[in-house]
Amino acid sequence: MTAPRLIAITPGKVAYDLEAAITTLGKHGWPAIILREPHRSAAENDALIQLALDVGIKSVICHEKSAHTIPTGKTHVGEGWLGSPNTEKVGVSCHNAAQVQSALGAGANYTLLSPLFTPTSKPNDSRTPLGLPNFLAIAKDRPVLALGGINPDNYAQILAAGVYGVAIMGSIFNNPKSVEMFLQIYWNQKIKSSSS
């Protein structure tokens, strides 16, 4: 699996119209989603997986805590993952250089590294944001995606700095209209990258 460069992470909120949000993402050609809905039943998550696939989201990744029976072949796990004998492709949440090194060394296909900036989905997060220089020093041209505080105003700057990719939660699910803005920047960057 080639690690995705643009991922939406579902918000895990009980009272949220996730079906409409997933449909919007698919309608606009969003490439990948992490389904992080531990409060939903396997049947509910299966319906969301099927919806995401039906609306054209190419890569559906299930968080390890989200019950489901439809196999997607891709799992996202929390920090501290030490490898697994299963054959699924794995992404790992990380918060520092040691965790990134450990996850990639254990065979993860990609990691999320957060917080890049102050997260919009966690306004009370007390962790010190990494900022771009520290993030890039840890990522070192590996499949490490930035997470935290990414919005349409800073996304192009993040890509121009050399970040492999990003994962987004708050900006997308708090403001579905931003989907088109993110995708325009994403496709423009892909065109620039392929022509250089």
C-alpha atoms as a PDB file:
ATOM      1  CA  MET A   1       0.000   0.000   0.000  1.00  0.00           C
ATOM      2  CA  THR A   2       1.307   3.404  -0.916  1.00  0.00           C
ATOM      3  CA  ALA A   3       0.703   5.624   2.079  1.00  0.00           C
ATOM      4  CA  PRO A   4      -2.061   8.132   1.339  1.00  0.00           C
ATOM      5  CA  ARG A   5      -1.091  11.807   1.268  1.00  0.00           C
ATOM      6  CA  LEU A   6      -4.467  13.245   2.255  1.00  0.00           C
ATOM      7  CA  ILE A   7      -6.627  11.551   4.874  1.00  0.00           C
ATOM      8  CA  ALA A   8      -9.823  12.644   6.614  1.00  0.00           C
ATOM      9  CA  ILE A   9     -10.268  11.255  10.134  1.00  0.00           C
ATOM     10  CA  THR A  10     -13.872  10.917  11.242  1.00  0.00           C
ATOM     11  CA  PRO A  11     -14.672  12.885  14.404  1.00  0.00           C
ATOM     12  CA  GLY A  12     -16.089  10.110  16.588  1.00  0.00           C
ATOM     13  CA  LYS A  13     -19.019  12.238  17.744  1.00  0.00           C
ATOM     14  CA  VAL A  14     -22.272  10.563  18.715  1.00  0.00           C
ATOM     15  CA  ALA A  15     -24.567  13.268  17.336  1.00  0.00           C
ATOM     16  CA  TYR A  16     -23.020  13.848  13.918  1.00  0.00           C
ATOM     17  CA  ASP A  17     -24.357  13.247  10.407  1.00  0.00           C
ATOM     18  CA  LEU A  18     -21.357  11.256   9.260  1.00  0.00           C
ATOM     19  CA  GLU A  19     -23.211   9.785   6.292  1.00  0.00           C
ATOM     20  CA  ALA A  20     -23.661  13.257   4.783  1.00  0.00           C
ATOM     21  CA  ALA A  21     -20.021  14.165   5.476  1.00  0.00           C
ATOM     22  CA  ILE A  22     -18.707  10.957   3.867  1.00  0.00           C
ATOM     23  CA  THR A  23     -20.956  11.523   0.858  1.00  0.00           C
ATOM     24  CA  THR A  24     -19.557  15.053   0.481  1.00  0.00           C
ATOM     25  CA  LEU A  25     -15.985  13.748   0.670  1.00  0.00           C
ATOM     26  CA  GLY A  26     -16.670  11.105  -1.961  1.00  0.00           C
ATOM     27  CA  LYS A  27     -18.538  13.487  -4.257  1.00  0.00           C
ATOM     28  CA  HIS A  28     -15.483  15.713  -4.400  1.00  0.00           C
ATOM     29  CA  GLY A  29     -12.949  12.899  -4.882  1.00  0.00           C
ATOM     30  CA  TRP A  30     -11.397  12.726  -1.423  1.00  0.00           C
ATOM     31  CA  PRO A  31      -8.744   9.954  -1.549  1.00  0.00           C
ATOM     32  CA  ALA A  32      -8.652   8.376   1.942  1.00  0.00           C
ATOM     33  CA  ILE A  33     -10.499   8.230   5.245  1.00  0.00           C
ATOM     34  CA  ILE A  34      -9.784   6.777   8.687  1.00  0.00           C
ATOM     35  CA  LEU A  35     -13.027   5.550  10.224  1.00  0.00           C
ATOM     36  CA  ARG A  36     -12.601   6.321  13.944  1.00  0.00           C
ATOM     37  CA  GLU A  37     -16.028   5.602  15.422  1.00  0.00           C
ATOM     38  CA  PRO A  38     -15.563   3.370  18.498  1.00  0.00           C
ATOM     39  CA  HIS A  39     -19.030   4.194  19.867  1.00  0.00           C
ATOM     40  CA  ARG A  40     -20.796   2.724  16.797  1.00  0.00           C
ATOM     41  CA  SER A  41     -21.666  -0.948  16.381  1.00  0.00           C
ATOM     42  CA  ALA A  42     -19.988  -3.174  13.813  1.00  0.00           C
ATOM     43  CA  ALA A  43     -23.139  -3.003  11.668  1.00  0.00           C
ATOM     44  CA  GLU A  44     -23.139   0.804  11.793  1.00  0.00           C
ATOM     45  CA  ASN A  45     -19.448   0.980  10.904  1.00  0.00           C
ATOM     46  CA  ASP A  46     -19.907  -1.586   8.131  1.00  0.00           C
ATOM     47  CA  ALA A  47     -22.580   0.675   6.641  1.00  0.00           C
ATOM     48  CA  LEU A  48     -20.164   3.633   6.785  1.00  0.00           C
ATOM     49  CA  ILE A  49     -17.384   1.605   5.161  1.00  0.00           C
ATOM     50  CA  GLN A  50     -19.701   0.529   2.369  1.00  0.00           C
ATOM     51  CA  LEU A  51     -20.945   4.086   1.893  1.00  0.00           C
ATOM     52  CA  ALA A  52     -17.382   5.412   1.668  1.00  0.00           C
ATOM     53  CA  LEU A  53     -16.509   2.825  -0.962  1.00  0.00           C
ATOM     54  CA  ASP A  54     -19.765   3.442  -2.851  1.00  0.00           C
ATOM     55  CA  VAL A  55     -19.167   7.202  -3.073  1.00  0.00           C
ATOM     56  CA  GLY A  56     -15.648   6.667  -4.426  1.00  0.00           C
ATOM     57  CA  ILE A  57     -13.289   7.061  -1.476  1.00  0.00           C
ATOM     58  CA  LYS A  58     -10.441   4.821  -2.632  1.00  0.00           C
ATOM     59  CA  SER A  59      -8.809   4.043   0.697  1.00  0.00           C
ATOM     60  CA  VAL A  60     -10.930   3.248   3.758  1.00  0.00           C
ATOM     61  CA  ILE A  61      -8.800   2.666   6.842  1.00  0.00           C
ATOM     62  CA  CYS A  62     -10.451   1.402  10.038  1.00  0.00           C
ATOM     63  CA  HIS A  63      -9.230   2.489  13.452  1.00  0.00           C
ATOM     64  CA  GLU A  64      -8.426  -0.506  15.631  1.00  0.00           C
ATOM     65  CA  LYS A  65     -11.094   0.533  18.173  1.00  0.00           C
ATOM     66  CA  SER A  66     -13.887   0.777  15.598  1.00  0.00           C
ATOM     67  CA  ALA A  67     -15.780  -2.506  15.384  1.00  0.00           C
ATOM     68  CA  HIS A  68     -16.452  -3.709  11.828  1.00  0.00           C
ATOM     69  CA  THR A  69     -16.753  -6.916   9.808  1.00  0.00           C
ATOM     70  CA  ILE A  70     -16.169  -5.623   6.266  1.00  0.00           C
ATOM     71  CA  PRO A  71     -12.455  -6.158   5.610  1.00  0.00           C
ATOM     72  CA  THR A  72     -10.699  -3.074   4.257  1.00  0.00           C
ATOM     73  CA  GLY A  73      -7.176  -4.491   4.445  1.00  0.00           C
ATOM     74  CA  LYS A  74      -6.011  -1.367   6.275  1.00  0.00           C
ATOM     75  CA  THR A  75      -5.934  -0.622   9.997  1.00  0.00           C
ATOM     76  CA  HIS A  76      -4.910   2.436  12.004  1.00  0.00           C
ATOM     77  CA  VAL A  77      -3.581   1.879  15.520  1.00  0.00           C
ATOM     78  CA  GLY A  78      -2.621   4.036  18.469  1.00  0.00           C
ATOM     79  CA  GLU A  79       0.857   4.921  19.642  1.00  0.00           C
ATOM     80  CA  GLY A  80       2.989   2.118  20.994  1.00  0.00           C
ATOM     81  CA  TRP A  81       2.312  -0.396  18.199  1.00  0.00           C
ATOM     82  CA  LEU A  82       5.154  -2.915  18.055  1.00  0.00           C
ATOM     83  CA  GLY A  83       4.268  -4.843  14.929  1.00  0.00           C
ATOM     84  CA  SER A  84       1.760  -7.566  14.256  1.00  0.00           C
ATOM     85  CA  PRO A  85       1.703 -10.844  12.349  1.00  0.00           C
ATOM     86  CA  ASN A  86      -1.519  -9.887  10.531  1.00  0.00           C
ATOM     87  CA  THR A  87      -1.340  -9.046   6.851  1.00  0.00           C
ATOM     88  CA  GLU A  88      -3.201  -5.746   6.978  1.00  0.00           C
ATOM     89  CA  LYS A  89      -1.463  -2.526   6.090  1.00  0.00           C
ATOM     90  CA  VAL A  90      -1.030  -0.377   9.172  1.00  0.00           C
ATOM     91  CA  GLY A  91      -0.877   3.292  10.073  1.00  0.00           C
ATOM     92  CA  VAL A  92       0.177   4.406  13.545  1.00  0.00           C
ATOM     93  CA  SER A  93      -0.524   7.550  15.583  1.00  0.00           C
ATOM     94  CA  CYS A  94       2.678   9.071  16.959  1.00  0.00           C
ATOM     95  CA  HIS A  95       3.649  12.132  18.987  1.00  0.00           C
ATOM     96  CA  ASN A  96       7.451  12.129  18.948  1.00  0.00           C
ATOM     97  CA  ALA A  97      10.532  10.960  17.050  1.00  0.00           C
ATOM     98  CA  ALA A  98      10.983   7.735  19.045  1.00  0.00           C
ATOM     99  CA  GLN A  99       7.413   6.627  18.335  1.00  0.00           C
ATOM    100  CA  VAL A 100       7.773   7.368  14.612  1.00  0.00           C
ATOM    101  CA  GLN A 101      11.043   5.423  14.435  1.00  0.00           C
ATOM    102  CA  SER A 102       9.569   2.499  16.362  1.00  0.00           C
ATOM    103  CA  ALA A 103       6.397   2.325  14.245  1.00  0.00           C
ATOM    104  CA  LEU A 104       8.170   2.519  10.894  1.00  0.00           C
ATOM    105  CA  GLY A 105      10.812   0.083  12.119  1.00  0.00           C
ATOM    106  CA  ALA A 106       8.082  -2.384  13.097  1.00  0.00           C
ATOM    107  CA  GLY A 107       6.619  -2.259   9.591  1.00  0.00           C
ATOM    108  CA  ALA A 108       3.998   0.486   9.654  1.00  0.00           C
ATOM    109  CA  ASN A 109       3.126   1.780   6.197  1.00  0.00           C
ATOM    110  CA  TYR A 110       2.795   5.327   7.496  1.00  0.00           C
ATOM    111  CA  THR A 111       2.502   7.286  10.717  1.00  0.00           C
ATOM    112  CA  LEU A 112       0.524  10.320  11.775  1.00  0.00           C
ATOM    113  CA  LEU A 113       2.609  12.780  13.793  1.00  0.00           C
ATOM    114  CA  SER A 114       0.803  15.320  15.913  1.00  0.00           C
ATOM    115  CA  PRO A 115       0.174  18.004  16.779  1.00  0.00           C
ATOM    116  CA  LEU A 116       1.737  20.021  13.979  1.00  0.00           C
ATOM    117  CA  PHE A 117      -0.224  23.106  15.074  1.00  0.00           C
ATOM    118  CA  THR A 118      -2.877  23.573  17.773  1.00  0.00           C
ATOM    119  CA  PRO A 119      -5.660  21.125  16.837  1.00  0.00           C
ATOM    120  CA  THR A 120      -9.022  22.616  15.844  1.00  0.00           C
ATOM    121  CA  SER A 121     -10.789  19.435  16.978  1.00  0.00           C
ATOM    122  CA  LYS A 122      -9.154  19.586  20.434  1.00  0.00           C
ATOM    123  CA  PRO A 123      -9.099  23.239  21.512  1.00  0.00           C
ATOM    124  CA  ASN A 124      -8.053  22.276  25.057  1.00  0.00           C
ATOM    125  CA  ASP A 125      -5.094  20.160  23.919  1.00  0.00           C
ATOM    126  CA  SER A 126      -2.186  21.103  26.207  1.00  0.00           C
ATOM    127  CA  ARG A 127       0.573  19.530  24.108  1.00  0.00           C
ATOM    128  CA  THR A 128       3.090  21.927  22.594  1.00  0.00           C
ATOM    129  CA  PRO A 129       2.669  21.948  18.808  1.00  0.00           C
ATOM    130  CA  LEU A 130       5.691  20.670  16.889  1.00  0.00           C
ATOM    131  CA  GLY A 131       5.725  23.374  14.213  1.00  0.00           C
ATOM    132  CA  LEU A 132       7.045  22.729  10.716  1.00  0.00           C
ATOM    133  CA  PRO A 133      10.828  22.705  11.416  1.00  0.00           C
ATOM    134  CA  ASN A 134      10.532  20.130  14.215  1.00  0.00           C
ATOM    135  CA  PHE A 135       8.029  18.065  12.252  1.00  0.00           C
ATOM    136  CA  LEU A 136      10.324  17.916   9.210  1.00  0.00           C
ATOM    137  CA  ALA A 137      13.340  17.012  11.366  1.00  0.00           C
ATOM    138  CA  ILE A 138      11.414  13.998  12.689  1.00  0.00           C
ATOM    139  CA  ALA A 139       9.745  13.000   9.412  1.00  0.00           C
ATOM    140  CA  LYS A 140      12.962  12.958   7.321  1.00  0.00           C
ATOM    141  CA  ASP A 141      11.352  12.226   3.922  1.00  0.00           C
ATOM    142  CA  ARG A 142       9.497   9.205   5.261  1.00  0.00           C
ATOM    143  CA  PRO A 143       5.730   8.501   5.030  1.00  0.00           C
ATOM    144  CA  VAL A 144       4.872  10.639   8.052  1.00  0.00           C
ATOM    145  CA  LEU A 145       1.660  12.635   7.796  1.00  0.00           C
ATOM    146  CA  ALA A 146       1.042  15.817   9.745  1.00  0.00           C
ATOM    147  CA  LEU A 147      -2.022  16.111  11.971  1.00  0.00           C
ATOM    148  CA  GLY A 148      -3.283  19.009  14.045  1.00  0.00           C
ATOM    149  CA  GLY A 149      -4.407  22.519  13.178  1.00  0.00           C
ATOM    150  CA  ILE A 150      -4.301  22.044   9.416  1.00  0.00           C
ATOM    151  CA  ASN A 151      -6.699  24.274   7.515  1.00  0.00           C
ATOM    152  CA  PRO A 152      -7.082  25.603   3.967  1.00  0.00           C
ATOM    153  CA  ASP A 153      -5.054  28.692   4.903  1.00  0.00           C
ATOM    154  CA  ASN A 154      -1.905  26.773   5.913  1.00  0.00           C
ATOM    155  CA  TYR A 155      -2.219  23.576   3.848  1.00  0.00           C
ATOM    156  CA  ALA A 156      -0.319  24.841   0.771  1.00  0.00           C
ATOM    157  CA  GLN A 157       2.490  26.133   3.004  1.00  0.00           C
ATOM    158  CA  ILE A 158       2.713  22.732   4.704  1.00  0.00           C
ATOM    159  CA  LEU A 159       2.992  20.920   1.374  1.00  0.00           C
ATOM    160  CA  ALA A 160       5.509  23.449   0.009  1.00  0.00           C
ATOM    161  CA  ALA A 161       7.695  22.835   3.076  1.00  0.00           C
ATOM    162  CA  GLY A 162       8.055  19.196   2.044  1.00  0.00           C
ATOM    163  CA  VAL A 163       5.612  17.409   4.349  1.00  0.00           C
ATOM    164  CA  TYR A 164       4.736  13.978   2.884  1.00  0.00           C
ATOM    165  CA  GLY A 165       1.024  14.379   3.550  1.00  0.00           C
ATOM    166  CA  VAL A 166      -1.629  15.413   6.045  1.00  0.00           C
ATOM    167  CA  ALA A 167      -4.518  13.998   8.014  1.00  0.00           C
ATOM    168  CA  ILE A 168      -7.399  16.327   8.812  1.00  0.00           C
ATOM    169  CA  MET A 169     -10.291  16.093  11.231  1.00  0.00           C
ATOM    170  CA  GLY A 170     -11.582  19.373  12.642  1.00  0.00           C
ATOM    171  CA  SER A 171     -11.312  21.561   9.557  1.00  0.00           C
ATOM    172  CA  ILE A 172     -13.210  19.065   7.407  1.00  0.00           C
ATOM    173  CA  PHE A 173     -15.919  17.945   9.791  1.00  0.00           C
ATOM    174  CA  ASN A 174     -16.489  21.355  11.406  1.00  0.00           C
ATOM    175  CA  ASN A 175     -16.697  23.024   7.981  1.00  0.00           C
ATOM    176  CA  PRO A 176     -17.641  20.660   5.123  1.00  0.00           C
ATOM    177  CA  LYS A 177     -17.304  23.555   2.653  1.00  0.00           C
ATOM    178  CA  SER A 178     -13.530  23.382   3.171  1.00  0.00           C
ATOM    179  CA  VAL A 179     -13.400  19.996   1.387  1.00  0.00           C
ATOM    180  CA  GLU A 180     -13.226  21.656  -2.027  1.00  0.00           C
ATOM    181  CA  MET A 181     -10.504  24.079  -0.904  1.00  0.00           C
ATOM    182  CA  PHE A 182      -8.323  21.265   0.444  1.00  0.00           C
ATOM    183  CA  LEU A 183      -8.769  19.206  -2.708  1.00  0.00           C
ATOM    184  CA  GLN A 184      -7.930  22.099  -5.019  1.00  0.00           C
ATOM    185  CA  ILE A 185      -4.618  22.577  -3.187  1.00  0.00           C
ATOM    186  CA  TYR A 186      -4.022  18.803  -3.114  1.00  0.00           C
ATOM    187  CA  TRP A 187      -4.550  18.344  -6.872  1.00  0.00           C
ATOM    188  CA  ASN A 188      -2.496  21.447  -7.704  1.00  0.00           C
ATOM    189  CA  GLN A 189       0.377  20.021  -5.659  1.00  0.00           C
ATOM    190  CA  LYS A 190       0.090  16.622  -7.375  1.00  0.00           C
ATOM    191  CA  ILE A 191       0.245  18.292 -10.794  1.00  0.00           C
ATOM    192  CA  LYS A 192       3.321  20.320  -9.755  1.00  0.00           C
ATOM    193  CA  SER A 193       5.011  17.232  -8.311  1.00  0.00           C
ATOM    194  CA  SER A 194       4.422  15.126 -11.412  1.00  0.00           C
ATOM    195  CA  SER A 195       5.686  17.829 -13.774  1.00  0.00           C
ATOM    196  CA  SER A 196       8.927  18.518 -11.898  1.00  0.00           C
END
